[in-house]
Structures are given as C-alpha cells and as structure tokens.
Amino acid sequence: MVPSLPPLTDYEAFRAWRADPVQWLPIARDIARRHGLSCAAPHVFSTGTNLVLALDEKLILKIFPPFLCAQFVSERGALAQLHGWLRVAIPEIVVQGERDGWSYLVITRLSGVLGADAWPSLPEADKERVLAEIGETIAEVQRAPVGPLASVEPGWDVFMRRQIEGCRARHERLGLPRKFLDGLDELLRDPASLVALDGPAVILTGEYIPENFLLSRGDSGWHLAGLIDFGDVMTGRGEYDLLGPSAFMTSGMPRRVRSLFEGFGYSAADITPDLKRRLMALMLLHRASDPVRHVCIEGWQEKAADLHQLQDLLWPI
C-alpha cells in the first residue's frame, strides 16, 4: 500500500521528512504511474525549497507541501505566462495535480550545467558574456504581459512595506555590522520612493542566481541555456531582479557590472547616485537579503565604511 503524504505545517518538519527518501519515493513513483510516466531510476535533488526529483532524463517532478502552496501557484502561473516569450529555455508544464492536500507539477527537464557548478571556473570573458545574457533575459521577462500573475500575493506595496517594517530587526539578527545598520534610517527615510512603481508592475523572479540557471558551452564559450525555479515569482519594480546577480556574481568588478546592466538596458549614464541608493535599499529589503553571507566581494566589510561606500563598491560604474 502506498503511504499518504503527511499533514506537515512547517519547513523544519518538512525538511526532516524529506531527508529520508524511503518515506516519499513510493509516493513519487505512484504519482508518475498514475499519469503514465516512467520513473525507473529517479534522481533526488537535495537542494531547493520543495521536494524535487528527476523522473528520468526528460521530466522533473516537484511536490509542494500545503504550507508552500503559494510557491506552486507562482511556479505554475509563471511557467504558463512566460511560455513562448523568452529566447532562453524554461520548463514546460506536462502534468499538474494534487495529492493528500499537496500540489505537484511535472515539468520538462532542461539540458545544461547548473550555474552553481560551472560559474566559479568560467573564464572572465565568459562570465561577462553570461551576465550580459542574464541582463537581457531579465529584461525579456519584464516585457512579457503580467497577466494573472498580477494577483499573486503579496502585492508590491504590501510586500515592500512589510520588508521596510522588519528591515532593521532582520539585519541585526543576521549580523550586519553596526556601521551599516547605522545608515538604515537614512537609506529608508523615504519609503514612498521604494514602494512606488516606476511604471507598470513587471514579472519578478527575485532569484537570478547561479542555483537557478543552466549554462551550456559552445564554440564561442559559455552561454545562458535555461532558467529554473519560479516558486518566488511576484510582480513589482524591475530593478529588484538586478540584485541577485549584483550580490552573487558581479563581485563589484566594473566590467561585470557593466555587462549585466547593459544587457538589462541601462547605460553607464543610467547608473546614477540615486539609482545606486535605490538598489542598495532594495538589496537590504530583498526577500532573501543577507549581505553578510551573500555579497561576493572579498573583504567588503573592511573596504566599505558605510552603506554609501558599500553601494559604490557593489556598483562601481
């Protein structure tokens, strides 16, 4: 008899349950069987928020616990809305369903090397090229119609006001040095300018980072091959999606920063002090913000005396 999915209500309990595939692999196999899909040699992915496994070389099964149903809604909606809009590959939905109150998607498996595995050893010219392609892809995503994603909660206004309210406590808890905490009040003194949209809301993934894209190598070097993981999609201000690459990939190197921003559609003249200040604020308000662990600039805490110097270190154009 195939076991049922348990009524888990928090991430810690889910993570402990997920750690033992014996508890849930029979369920994954049964889901595949019920849809007539092969699952002879499944491969479990240990990273990520939800339960993710490859059924075979062509299909991925993602199972979302009930308390993360919002991620299922975002992923399903984003994949449907962006289908056919991008030059870079994204998964296609093959099957969707529900089991014991848990939602699931079967999606196509993309080819390529996970960015987290390939990025550290890429030649510098290839890193600049990939960053330009990431900037172009962010802009492409943001040109797509928002459609039903406009109803994904929380809306930008609610999200940003909540982030502003909890910003100081969050970064105190995460160990941001006092010299940077001291600049928060000034940085956030005009919350309306951060909450306000500069034009219509656009589709945001919030996570253009190496764990969420695939790369391929061709005659001209490494290129962006695919995007994965759309569980945190929301709508809001487009510059928000420049923050992941700025923290994890550009390393404060002018050519890398320029490649990302030019791909996005910003020239060097667009990188004004006002834009840098806005980006610095948005980075500290990001859903996953944790500069101490995420800013990939060696010795940045010693190189910057305050948030003004940190923004110039991150975006040195």
C-alpha atoms as a PDB file:
ATOM      1  CA  MET A   1       0.000   0.000   0.000  1.00  0.00           C
ATOM      2  CA  VAL A   2       1.346   3.424  -0.980  1.00  0.00           C
ATOM      3  CA  PRO A   3       1.642   5.755   2.063  1.00  0.00           C
ATOM      4  CA  SER A   4      -0.100   9.116   2.233  1.00  0.00           C
ATOM      5  CA  LEU A   5       1.667  12.460   2.253  1.00  0.00           C
ATOM      6  CA  PRO A   6       1.774  13.723   5.854  1.00  0.00           C
ATOM      7  CA  PRO A   7      -0.007  16.902   7.062  1.00  0.00           C
ATOM      8  CA  LEU A   8       3.187  18.892   7.670  1.00  0.00           C
ATOM      9  CA  THR A   9       2.762  22.522   8.659  1.00  0.00           C
ATOM     10  CA  ASP A  10       6.267  23.987   8.852  1.00  0.00           C
ATOM     11  CA  TYR A  11       9.537  23.840   6.962  1.00  0.00           C
ATOM     12  CA  GLU A  12      11.608  22.198   9.697  1.00  0.00           C
ATOM     13  CA  ALA A  13       9.269  19.226   9.886  1.00  0.00           C
ATOM     14  CA  PHE A  14       9.169  19.034   6.093  1.00  0.00           C
ATOM     15  CA  ARG A  15      12.964  19.122   5.789  1.00  0.00           C
ATOM     16  CA  ALA A  16      13.355  16.298   8.285  1.00  0.00           C
ATOM     17  CA  TRP A  17      10.749  14.201   6.464  1.00  0.00           C
ATOM     18  CA  ARG A  18      12.275  14.948   3.049  1.00  0.00           C
ATOM     19  CA  ALA A  19      15.723  13.840   4.261  1.00  0.00           C
ATOM     20  CA  ASP A  20      14.594  10.199   4.179  1.00  0.00           C
ATOM     21  CA  PRO A  21      13.556   9.336   0.591  1.00  0.00           C
ATOM     22  CA  VAL A  22      12.225   5.962   1.754  1.00  0.00           C
ATOM     23  CA  GLN A  23       9.256   7.884   3.159  1.00  0.00           C
ATOM     24  CA  TRP A  24       8.247   9.602  -0.052  1.00  0.00           C
ATOM     25  CA  LEU A  25       9.800   7.882  -3.095  1.00  0.00           C
ATOM     26  CA  PRO A  26       6.926   5.362  -3.261  1.00  0.00           C
ATOM     27  CA  ILE A  27       4.522   8.309  -3.428  1.00  0.00           C
ATOM     28  CA  ALA A  28       6.521   9.977  -6.215  1.00  0.00           C
ATOM     29  CA  ARG A  29       6.585   6.712  -8.160  1.00  0.00           C
ATOM     30  CA  ASP A  30       2.835   6.332  -7.702  1.00  0.00           C
ATOM     31  CA  ILE A  31       2.181   9.874  -8.961  1.00  0.00           C
ATOM     32  CA  ALA A  32       4.251   9.099 -12.041  1.00  0.00           C
ATOM     33  CA  ARG A  33       2.488   5.758 -12.571  1.00  0.00           C
ATOM     34  CA  ARG A  34      -0.968   7.330 -12.329  1.00  0.00           C
ATOM     35  CA  HIS A  35      -0.027   9.720 -15.142  1.00  0.00           C
ATOM     36  CA  GLY A  36       1.608   7.044 -17.263  1.00  0.00           C
ATOM     37  CA  LEU A  37       5.105   8.441 -16.766  1.00  0.00           C
ATOM     38  CA  SER A  38       8.329   6.486 -16.404  1.00  0.00           C
ATOM     39  CA  CYS A  39      10.096   6.563 -13.026  1.00  0.00           C
ATOM     40  CA  ALA A  40      12.503   3.650 -13.244  1.00  0.00           C
ATOM     41  CA  ALA A  41      15.592   5.428 -11.851  1.00  0.00           C
ATOM     42  CA  PRO A  42      14.565   8.681 -10.140  1.00  0.00           C
ATOM     43  CA  HIS A  43      17.237  11.183  -9.115  1.00  0.00           C
ATOM     44  CA  VAL A  44      16.589  13.200  -5.972  1.00  0.00           C
ATOM     45  CA  PHE A  45      17.761  16.822  -5.811  1.00  0.00           C
ATOM     46  CA  SER A  46      18.753  17.577  -2.230  1.00  0.00           C
ATOM     47  CA  THR A  47      18.787  21.375  -2.618  1.00  0.00           C
ATOM     48  CA  GLY A  48      15.837  23.670  -3.126  1.00  0.00           C
ATOM     49  CA  THR A  49      12.801  24.511  -1.058  1.00  0.00           C
ATOM     50  CA  ASN A  50      10.342  21.865  -2.214  1.00  0.00           C
ATOM     51  CA  LEU A  51      10.604  18.161  -2.956  1.00  0.00           C
ATOM     52  CA  VAL A  52      12.219  17.868  -6.393  1.00  0.00           C
ATOM     53  CA  LEU A  53      13.301  14.763  -8.287  1.00  0.00           C
ATOM     54  CA  ALA A  54      14.033  13.792 -11.863  1.00  0.00           C
ATOM     55  CA  LEU A  55      11.707  11.028 -13.002  1.00  0.00           C
ATOM     56  CA  ASP A  56      14.059  10.330 -15.913  1.00  0.00           C
ATOM     57  CA  GLU A  57      16.254  12.285 -18.331  1.00  0.00           C
ATOM     58  CA  LYS A  58      13.301  14.274 -19.652  1.00  0.00           C
ATOM     59  CA  LEU A  59      10.956  15.059 -16.739  1.00  0.00           C
ATOM     60  CA  ILE A  60      11.089  16.656 -13.282  1.00  0.00           C
ATOM     61  CA  LEU A  61       8.512  16.169 -10.527  1.00  0.00           C
ATOM     62  CA  LYS A  62       8.094  18.979  -7.980  1.00  0.00           C
ATOM     63  CA  ILE A  63       5.913  18.354  -4.943  1.00  0.00           C
ATOM     64  CA  PHE A  64       4.853  21.330  -2.801  1.00  0.00           C
ATOM     65  CA  PRO A  65       3.760  20.875   0.833  1.00  0.00           C
ATOM     66  CA  PRO A  66       0.495  22.641   1.730  1.00  0.00           C
ATOM     67  CA  PHE A  67       2.204  25.461   3.639  1.00  0.00           C
ATOM     68  CA  LEU A  68       4.161  26.292   0.446  1.00  0.00           C
ATOM     69  CA  CYS A  69       1.160  26.182  -1.859  1.00  0.00           C
ATOM     70  CA  ALA A  70       1.840  29.827  -2.795  1.00  0.00           C
ATOM     71  CA  GLN A  71       5.066  28.659  -4.465  1.00  0.00           C
ATOM     72  CA  PHE A  72       3.100  26.130  -6.501  1.00  0.00           C
ATOM     73  CA  VAL A  73       0.721  28.893  -7.608  1.00  0.00           C
ATOM     74  CA  SER A  74       3.628  31.188  -8.556  1.00  0.00           C
ATOM     75  CA  GLU A  75       5.576  28.494 -10.406  1.00  0.00           C
ATOM     76  CA  ARG A  76       2.573  27.209 -12.320  1.00  0.00           C
ATOM     77  CA  GLY A  77       1.440  30.726 -13.198  1.00  0.00           C
ATOM     78  CA  ALA A  78       4.892  31.928 -14.229  1.00  0.00           C
ATOM     79  CA  LEU A  79       5.644  28.941 -16.462  1.00  0.00           C
ATOM     80  CA  ALA A  80       2.274  29.338 -18.171  1.00  0.00           C
ATOM     81  CA  GLN A  81       2.595  33.105 -18.566  1.00  0.00           C
ATOM     82  CA  LEU A  82       6.189  33.081 -19.863  1.00  0.00           C
ATOM     83  CA  HIS A  83       5.728  30.150 -22.261  1.00  0.00           C
ATOM     84  CA  GLY A  84       6.921  31.242 -25.691  1.00  0.00           C
ATOM     85  CA  TRP A  85       8.123  34.678 -24.574  1.00  0.00           C
ATOM     86  CA  LEU A  86      11.817  34.043 -23.978  1.00  0.00           C
ATOM     87  CA  ARG A  87      14.789  33.116 -26.121  1.00  0.00           C
ATOM     88  CA  VAL A  88      16.258  31.137 -23.238  1.00  0.00           C
ATOM     89  CA  ALA A  89      14.638  27.825 -22.314  1.00  0.00           C
ATOM     90  CA  ILE A  90      12.289  27.437 -19.351  1.00  0.00           C
ATOM     91  CA  PRO A  91      10.478  24.269 -18.268  1.00  0.00           C
ATOM     92  CA  GLU A  92       7.106  23.407 -19.743  1.00  0.00           C
ATOM     93  CA  ILE A  93       4.256  22.039 -17.647  1.00  0.00           C
ATOM     94  CA  VAL A  94       3.399  18.433 -18.534  1.00  0.00           C
ATOM     95  CA  VAL A  95       1.114  17.492 -15.636  1.00  0.00           C
ATOM     96  CA  GLN A  96      -0.301  19.258 -12.592  1.00  0.00           C
ATOM     97  CA  GLY A  97      -2.278  17.809  -9.731  1.00  0.00           C
ATOM     98  CA  GLU A  98      -2.897  17.385  -6.017  1.00  0.00           C
ATOM     99  CA  ARG A  99      -2.260  14.508  -3.621  1.00  0.00           C
ATOM    100  CA  ASP A 100      -3.317  14.469   0.041  1.00  0.00           C
ATOM    101  CA  GLY A 101      -3.502  18.277   0.016  1.00  0.00           C
ATOM    102  CA  TRP A 102      -0.030  18.622  -1.537  1.00  0.00           C
ATOM    103  CA  SER A 103       0.246  20.185  -5.017  1.00  0.00           C
ATOM    104  CA  TYR A 104       2.605  18.903  -7.685  1.00  0.00           C
ATOM    105  CA  LEU A 105       3.924  19.716 -11.136  1.00  0.00           C
ATOM    106  CA  VAL A 106       5.624  17.518 -13.689  1.00  0.00           C
ATOM    107  CA  ILE A 107       7.753  19.738 -15.922  1.00  0.00           C
ATOM    108  CA  THR A 108      10.256  19.195 -18.701  1.00  0.00           C
ATOM    109  CA  ARG A 109      13.898  18.783 -17.691  1.00  0.00           C
ATOM    110  CA  LEU A 110      16.231  21.306 -19.317  1.00  0.00           C
ATOM    111  CA  SER A 111      19.679  20.477 -20.616  1.00  0.00           C
ATOM    112  CA  GLY A 112      22.792  22.245 -19.414  1.00  0.00           C
ATOM    113  CA  VAL A 113      25.138  22.564 -16.454  1.00  0.00           C
ATOM    114  CA  LEU A 114      23.813  24.099 -13.254  1.00  0.00           C
ATOM    115  CA  GLY A 115      25.212  27.600 -12.907  1.00  0.00           C
ATOM    116  CA  ALA A 116      26.341  26.957  -9.339  1.00  0.00           C
ATOM    117  CA  ASP A 117      28.599  24.165 -10.599  1.00  0.00           C
ATOM    118  CA  ALA A 118      30.004  25.949 -13.655  1.00  0.00           C
ATOM    119  CA  TRP A 119      30.214  29.611 -12.650  1.00  0.00           C
ATOM    120  CA  PRO A 120      33.278  29.553 -10.354  1.00  0.00           C
ATOM    121  CA  SER A 121      35.570  28.124 -13.057  1.00  0.00           C
ATOM    122  CA  LEU A 122      34.312  30.150 -16.033  1.00  0.00           C
ATOM    123  CA  PRO A 123      36.906  32.361 -17.774  1.00  0.00           C
ATOM    124  CA  GLU A 124      36.332  36.046 -17.076  1.00  0.00           C
ATOM    125  CA  ALA A 125      35.192  36.797 -20.639  1.00  0.00           C
ATOM    126  CA  ASP A 126      32.550  34.085 -20.340  1.00  0.00           C
ATOM    127  CA  LYS A 127      31.354  35.460 -17.006  1.00  0.00           C
ATOM    128  CA  GLU A 128      30.885  38.865 -18.600  1.00  0.00           C
ATOM    129  CA  ARG A 129      29.004  37.301 -21.519  1.00  0.00           C
ATOM    130  CA  VAL A 130      26.724  35.282 -19.242  1.00  0.00           C
ATOM    131  CA  LEU A 131      25.987  38.345 -17.118  1.00  0.00           C
ATOM    132  CA  ALA A 132      25.013  40.276 -20.243  1.00  0.00           C
ATOM    133  CA  GLU A 133      22.702  37.423 -21.227  1.00  0.00           C
ATOM    134  CA  ILE A 134      21.196  37.365 -17.737  1.00  0.00           C
ATOM    135  CA  GLY A 135      20.528  41.104 -18.009  1.00  0.00           C
ATOM    136  CA  GLU A 136      18.894  40.566 -21.420  1.00  0.00           C
ATOM    137  CA  THR A 137      16.772  37.729 -20.029  1.00  0.00           C
ATOM    138  CA  ILE A 138      15.606  39.796 -17.049  1.00  0.00           C
ATOM    139  CA  ALA A 139      14.508  42.499 -19.499  1.00  0.00           C
ATOM    140  CA  GLU A 140      12.741  39.920 -21.694  1.00  0.00           C
ATOM    141  CA  VAL A 141      10.848  38.504 -18.727  1.00  0.00           C
ATOM    142  CA  GLN A 142       9.825  42.012 -17.719  1.00  0.00           C
ATOM    143  CA  ARG A 143       8.489  42.787 -21.204  1.00  0.00           C
ATOM    144  CA  ALA A 144       6.094  39.830 -21.011  1.00  0.00           C
ATOM    145  CA  PRO A 145       2.499  40.615 -20.008  1.00  0.00           C
ATOM    146  CA  VAL A 146       1.904  40.186 -16.293  1.00  0.00           C
ATOM    147  CA  GLY A 147      -1.480  38.559 -16.862  1.00  0.00           C
ATOM    148  CA  PRO A 148      -2.852  36.504 -13.939  1.00  0.00           C
ATOM    149  CA  LEU A 149       0.440  36.929 -12.056  1.00  0.00           C
ATOM    150  CA  ALA A 150      -0.834  40.382 -11.081  1.00  0.00           C
ATOM    151  CA  SER A 151      -2.973  38.640  -8.467  1.00  0.00           C
ATOM    152  CA  VAL A 152      -0.064  36.775  -6.820  1.00  0.00           C
ATOM    153  CA  GLU A 153       0.198  37.785  -3.172  1.00  0.00           C
ATOM    154  CA  PRO A 154       1.690  39.748  -1.637  1.00  0.00           C
ATOM    155  CA  GLY A 155       1.423  42.718  -3.985  1.00  0.00           C
ATOM    156  CA  TRP A 156       4.430  45.013  -4.290  1.00  0.00           C
ATOM    157  CA  ASP A 157       3.026  47.680  -1.987  1.00  0.00           C
ATOM    158  CA  VAL A 158       2.213  45.226   0.809  1.00  0.00           C
ATOM    159  CA  PHE A 159       5.476  43.318   0.321  1.00  0.00           C
ATOM    160  CA  MET A 160       7.722  46.378   0.429  1.00  0.00           C
ATOM    161  CA  ARG A 161       6.010  47.955   3.425  1.00  0.00           C
ATOM    162  CA  ARG A 162       6.357  44.673   5.309  1.00  0.00           C
ATOM    163  CA  GLN A 163      10.045  44.434   4.362  1.00  0.00           C
ATOM    164  CA  ILE A 164      10.692  48.021   5.424  1.00  0.00           C
ATOM    165  CA  GLU A 165       9.000  47.421   8.782  1.00  0.00           C
ATOM    166  CA  GLY A 166      11.161  44.384   9.547  1.00  0.00           C
ATOM    167  CA  CYS A 167      14.397  45.532   7.892  1.00  0.00           C
ATOM    168  CA  ARG A 168      16.424  46.579  10.933  1.00  0.00           C
ATOM    169  CA  ALA A 169      15.438  43.583  13.039  1.00  0.00           C
ATOM    170  CA  ARG A 170      16.248  41.219  10.190  1.00  0.00           C
ATOM    171  CA  HIS A 171      19.744  42.556   9.631  1.00  0.00           C
ATOM    172  CA  GLU A 172      20.530  42.796  13.326  1.00  0.00           C
ATOM    173  CA  ARG A 173      19.601  39.134  13.605  1.00  0.00           C
ATOM    174  CA  LEU A 174      21.764  38.231  10.590  1.00  0.00           C
ATOM    175  CA  GLY A 175      24.792  40.056  11.947  1.00  0.00           C
ATOM    176  CA  LEU A 176      25.144  43.064   9.671  1.00  0.00           C
ATOM    177  CA  PRO A 177      27.913  45.207  11.233  1.00  0.00           C
ATOM    178  CA  ARG A 178      26.833  48.263  13.220  1.00  0.00           C
ATOM    179  CA  LYS A 179      28.433  50.728  10.799  1.00  0.00           C
ATOM    180  CA  PHE A 180      25.982  49.586   8.122  1.00  0.00           C
ATOM    181  CA  LEU A 181      22.995  49.307  10.449  1.00  0.00           C
ATOM    182  CA  ASP A 182      23.584  52.935  11.449  1.00  0.00           C
ATOM    183  CA  GLY A 183      22.787  54.029   7.878  1.00  0.00           C
ATOM    184  CA  LEU A 184      19.475  52.202   7.563  1.00  0.00           C
ATOM    185  CA  ASP A 185      17.257  55.018   8.817  1.00  0.00           C
ATOM    186  CA  GLU A 186      18.695  57.472   6.326  1.00  0.00           C
ATOM    187  CA  LEU A 187      18.520  54.966   3.482  1.00  0.00           C
ATOM    188  CA  LEU A 188      14.885  54.142   4.195  1.00  0.00           C
ATOM    189  CA  ARG A 189      13.738  57.621   5.204  1.00  0.00           C
ATOM    190  CA  ASP A 190      11.628  57.979   2.044  1.00  0.00           C
ATOM    191  CA  PRO A 191       9.787  54.662   1.838  1.00  0.00           C
ATOM    192  CA  ALA A 192       7.340  56.002  -0.748  1.00  0.00           C
ATOM    193  CA  SER A 193      10.123  56.168  -3.340  1.00  0.00           C
ATOM    194  CA  LEU A 194      10.881  52.477  -2.775  1.00  0.00           C
ATOM    195  CA  VAL A 195       7.301  51.286  -2.646  1.00  0.00           C
ATOM    196  CA  ALA A 196       6.223  53.315  -5.668  1.00  0.00           C
ATOM    197  CA  LEU A 197       6.458  51.615  -9.041  1.00  0.00           C
ATOM    198  CA  ASP A 198       8.403  53.348 -11.800  1.00  0.00           C
ATOM    199  CA  GLY A 199       5.884  52.450 -14.477  1.00  0.00           C
ATOM    200  CA  PRO A 200       3.686  49.330 -14.526  1.00  0.00           C
ATOM    201  CA  ALA A 201       4.491  46.298 -12.414  1.00  0.00           C
ATOM    202  CA  VAL A 202       6.599  43.631 -14.143  1.00  0.00           C
ATOM    203  CA  ILE A 203       7.239  39.930 -13.558  1.00  0.00           C
ATOM    204  CA  LEU A 204       9.976  39.336 -10.975  1.00  0.00           C
ATOM    205  CA  THR A 205      11.622  36.050 -10.044  1.00  0.00           C
ATOM    206  CA  GLY A 206      13.830  37.598  -7.345  1.00  0.00           C
ATOM    207  CA  GLU A 207      16.384  34.840  -7.903  1.00  0.00           C
ATOM    208  CA  TYR A 208      18.650  35.265 -10.914  1.00  0.00           C
ATOM    209  CA  ILE A 209      21.435  33.433  -9.120  1.00  0.00           C
ATOM    210  CA  PRO A 210      23.683  30.511 -10.167  1.00  0.00           C
ATOM    211  CA  GLU A 211      21.490  27.910  -8.424  1.00  0.00           C
ATOM    212  CA  ASN A 212      18.585  28.861 -10.689  1.00  0.00           C
ATOM    213  CA  PHE A 213      20.033  28.843 -14.184  1.00  0.00           C
ATOM    214  CA  LEU A 214      21.715  26.421 -16.560  1.00  0.00           C
ATOM    215  CA  LEU A 215      24.728  27.061 -18.776  1.00  0.00           C
ATOM    216  CA  SER A 216      25.972  25.413 -21.955  1.00  0.00           C
ATOM    217  CA  ARG A 217      29.321  25.593 -23.705  1.00  0.00           C
ATOM    218  CA  GLY A 218      29.573  26.191 -27.440  1.00  0.00           C
ATOM    219  CA  ASP A 219      32.188  27.263 -29.957  1.00  0.00           C
ATOM    220  CA  SER A 220      32.104  30.842 -28.635  1.00  0.00           C
ATOM    221  CA  GLY A 221      32.292  29.839 -24.965  1.00  0.00           C
ATOM    222  CA  TRP A 222      29.739  29.536 -22.181  1.00  0.00           C
ATOM    223  CA  HIS A 223      26.211  30.876 -22.561  1.00  0.00           C
ATOM    224  CA  LEU A 224      22.987  31.053 -20.571  1.00  0.00           C
ATOM    225  CA  ALA A 225      20.947  27.987 -21.559  1.00  0.00           C
ATOM    226  CA  GLY A 226      17.926  27.909 -19.255  1.00  0.00           C
ATOM    227  CA  LEU A 227      16.101  29.238 -16.208  1.00  0.00           C
ATOM    228  CA  ILE A 228      14.621  27.073 -13.469  1.00  0.00           C
ATOM    229  CA  ASP A 229      12.704  27.586 -10.201  1.00  0.00           C
ATOM    230  CA  PHE A 230       9.879  30.105 -10.434  1.00  0.00           C
ATOM    231  CA  GLY A 231       8.385  29.489  -6.999  1.00  0.00           C
ATOM    232  CA  ASP A 232       9.054  33.019  -5.712  1.00  0.00           C
ATOM    233  CA  VAL A 233       7.667  34.906  -8.698  1.00  0.00           C
ATOM    234  CA  MET A 234       5.816  38.114  -7.890  1.00  0.00           C
ATOM    235  CA  THR A 235       5.258  41.434  -9.632  1.00  0.00           C
ATOM    236  CA  GLY A 236       6.800  44.790  -8.851  1.00  0.00           C
ATOM    237  CA  ARG A 237       9.666  47.135  -9.649  1.00  0.00           C
ATOM    238  CA  GLY A 238      12.002  45.811 -12.331  1.00  0.00           C
ATOM    239  CA  GLU A 239      15.280  46.820 -10.688  1.00  0.00           C
ATOM    240  CA  TYR A 240      14.585  44.317  -7.897  1.00  0.00           C
ATOM    241  CA  ASP A 241      15.773  41.495 -10.148  1.00  0.00           C
ATOM    242  CA  LEU A 242      19.211  43.066 -10.644  1.00  0.00           C
ATOM    243  CA  LEU A 243      20.043  42.376  -7.010  1.00  0.00           C
ATOM    244  CA  GLY A 244      20.704  38.625  -7.150  1.00  0.00           C
ATOM    245  CA  PRO A 245      23.397  38.908  -9.843  1.00  0.00           C
ATOM    246  CA  SER A 246      24.795  42.019  -8.131  1.00  0.00           C
ATOM    247  CA  ALA A 247      25.281  40.145  -4.851  1.00  0.00           C
ATOM    248  CA  PHE A 248      26.329  36.705  -6.093  1.00  0.00           C
ATOM    249  CA  MET A 249      28.027  37.245  -9.450  1.00  0.00           C
ATOM    250  CA  THR A 250      29.379  40.688 -10.348  1.00  0.00           C
ATOM    251  CA  SER A 251      31.787  40.848  -7.350  1.00  0.00           C
ATOM    252  CA  GLY A 252      31.978  44.637  -7.659  1.00  0.00           C
ATOM    253  CA  MET A 253      34.013  44.311 -10.885  1.00  0.00           C
ATOM    254  CA  PRO A 254      33.226  47.205 -13.268  1.00  0.00           C
ATOM    255  CA  ARG A 255      33.184  45.153 -16.477  1.00  0.00           C
ATOM    256  CA  ARG A 256      30.889  42.531 -14.962  1.00  0.00           C
ATOM    257  CA  VAL A 257      28.556  45.188 -13.576  1.00  0.00           C
ATOM    258  CA  ARG A 258      28.516  46.971 -16.914  1.00  0.00           C
ATOM    259  CA  SER A 259      27.763  43.720 -18.764  1.00  0.00           C
ATOM    260  CA  LEU A 260      24.773  42.955 -16.518  1.00  0.00           C
ATOM    261  CA  PHE A 261      23.343  46.467 -16.693  1.00  0.00           C
ATOM    262  CA  GLU A 262      23.883  46.929 -20.422  1.00  0.00           C
ATOM    263  CA  GLY A 263      22.158  43.605 -21.036  1.00  0.00           C
ATOM    264  CA  PHE A 264      19.255  44.870 -18.941  1.00  0.00           C
ATOM    265  CA  GLY A 265      19.150  48.062 -20.991  1.00  0.00           C
ATOM    266  CA  TYR A 266      20.940  50.543 -18.705  1.00  0.00           C
ATOM    267  CA  SER A 267      23.951  52.503 -19.917  1.00  0.00           C
ATOM    268  CA  ALA A 268      26.752  53.756 -17.700  1.00  0.00           C
ATOM    269  CA  ALA A 269      24.987  57.126 -17.643  1.00  0.00           C
ATOM    270  CA  ASP A 270      21.962  55.481 -16.046  1.00  0.00           C
ATOM    271  CA  ILE A 271      23.995  54.292 -13.040  1.00  0.00           C
ATOM    272  CA  THR A 272      23.447  57.486 -11.068  1.00  0.00           C
ATOM    273  CA  PRO A 273      23.848  58.008  -7.304  1.00  0.00           C
ATOM    274  CA  ASP A 274      20.051  57.923  -7.000  1.00  0.00           C
ATOM    275  CA  LEU A 275      19.893  54.534  -8.750  1.00  0.00           C
ATOM    276  CA  LYS A 276      22.699  53.142  -6.573  1.00  0.00           C
ATOM    277  CA  ARG A 277      20.920  54.341  -3.436  1.00  0.00           C
ATOM    278  CA  ARG A 278      17.682  52.726  -4.605  1.00  0.00           C
ATOM    279  CA  LEU A 279      19.459  49.475  -5.435  1.00  0.00           C
ATOM    280  CA  MET A 280      21.189  49.471  -2.048  1.00  0.00           C
ATOM    281  CA  ALA A 281      17.845  49.927  -0.310  1.00  0.00           C
ATOM    282  CA  LEU A 282      16.178  47.237  -2.396  1.00  0.00           C
ATOM    283  CA  MET A 283      19.061  44.841  -1.706  1.00  0.00           C
ATOM    284  CA  LEU A 284      18.551  45.263   2.027  1.00  0.00           C
ATOM    285  CA  LEU A 285      14.794  44.801   1.578  1.00  0.00           C
ATOM    286  CA  HIS A 286      15.047  41.774  -0.708  1.00  0.00           C
ATOM    287  CA  ARG A 287      13.091  38.695   0.382  1.00  0.00           C
ATOM    288  CA  ALA A 288      16.372  36.734   0.781  1.00  0.00           C
ATOM    289  CA  SER A 289      18.594  39.639   1.850  1.00  0.00           C
ATOM    290  CA  ASP A 290      21.660  38.598   3.841  1.00  0.00           C
ATOM    291  CA  PRO A 291      24.661  40.726   2.795  1.00  0.00           C
ATOM    292  CA  VAL A 292      26.996  39.145   5.362  1.00  0.00           C
ATOM    293  CA  ARG A 293      26.706  35.780   3.580  1.00  0.00           C
ATOM    294  CA  HIS A 294      25.697  36.789   0.052  1.00  0.00           C
ATOM    295  CA  VAL A 295      27.843  39.731  -1.059  1.00  0.00           C
ATOM    296  CA  CYS A 296      30.624  38.072  -3.056  1.00  0.00           C
ATOM    297  CA  ILE A 297      33.298  40.764  -2.723  1.00  0.00           C
ATOM    298  CA  GLU A 298      36.285  39.644  -0.700  1.00  0.00           C
ATOM    299  CA  GLY A 299      36.805  41.839   2.355  1.00  0.00           C
ATOM    300  CA  TRP A 300      33.842  44.098   1.588  1.00  0.00           C
ATOM    301  CA  GLN A 301      33.114  44.710   5.262  1.00  0.00           C
ATOM    302  CA  GLU A 302      36.569  46.250   5.682  1.00  0.00           C
ATOM    303  CA  LYS A 303      36.576  48.056   2.325  1.00  0.00           C
ATOM    304  CA  ALA A 304      33.326  49.949   2.981  1.00  0.00           C
ATOM    305  CA  ALA A 305      32.870  52.256   5.960  1.00  0.00           C
ATOM    306  CA  ASP A 306      29.117  52.737   5.492  1.00  0.00           C
ATOM    307  CA  LEU A 307      26.239  51.993   3.141  1.00  0.00           C
ATOM    308  CA  HIS A 308      27.232  54.810   0.770  1.00  0.00           C
ATOM    309  CA  GLN A 309      30.651  53.256   0.249  1.00  0.00           C
ATOM    310  CA  LEU A 310      29.102  49.797   0.004  1.00  0.00           C
ATOM    311  CA  GLN A 311      26.833  50.854  -2.847  1.00  0.00           C
ATOM    312  CA  ASP A 312      29.827  52.275  -4.709  1.00  0.00           C
ATOM    313  CA  LEU A 313      31.682  49.014  -4.068  1.00  0.00           C
ATOM    314  CA  LEU A 314      28.805  46.945  -5.469  1.00  0.00           C
ATOM    315  CA  TRP A 315      28.107  49.180  -8.470  1.00  0.00           C
ATOM    316  CA  PRO A 316      31.403  50.899  -9.301  1.00  0.00           C
ATOM    317  CA  ILE A 317      30.412  52.320 -12.674  1.00  0.00           C
END
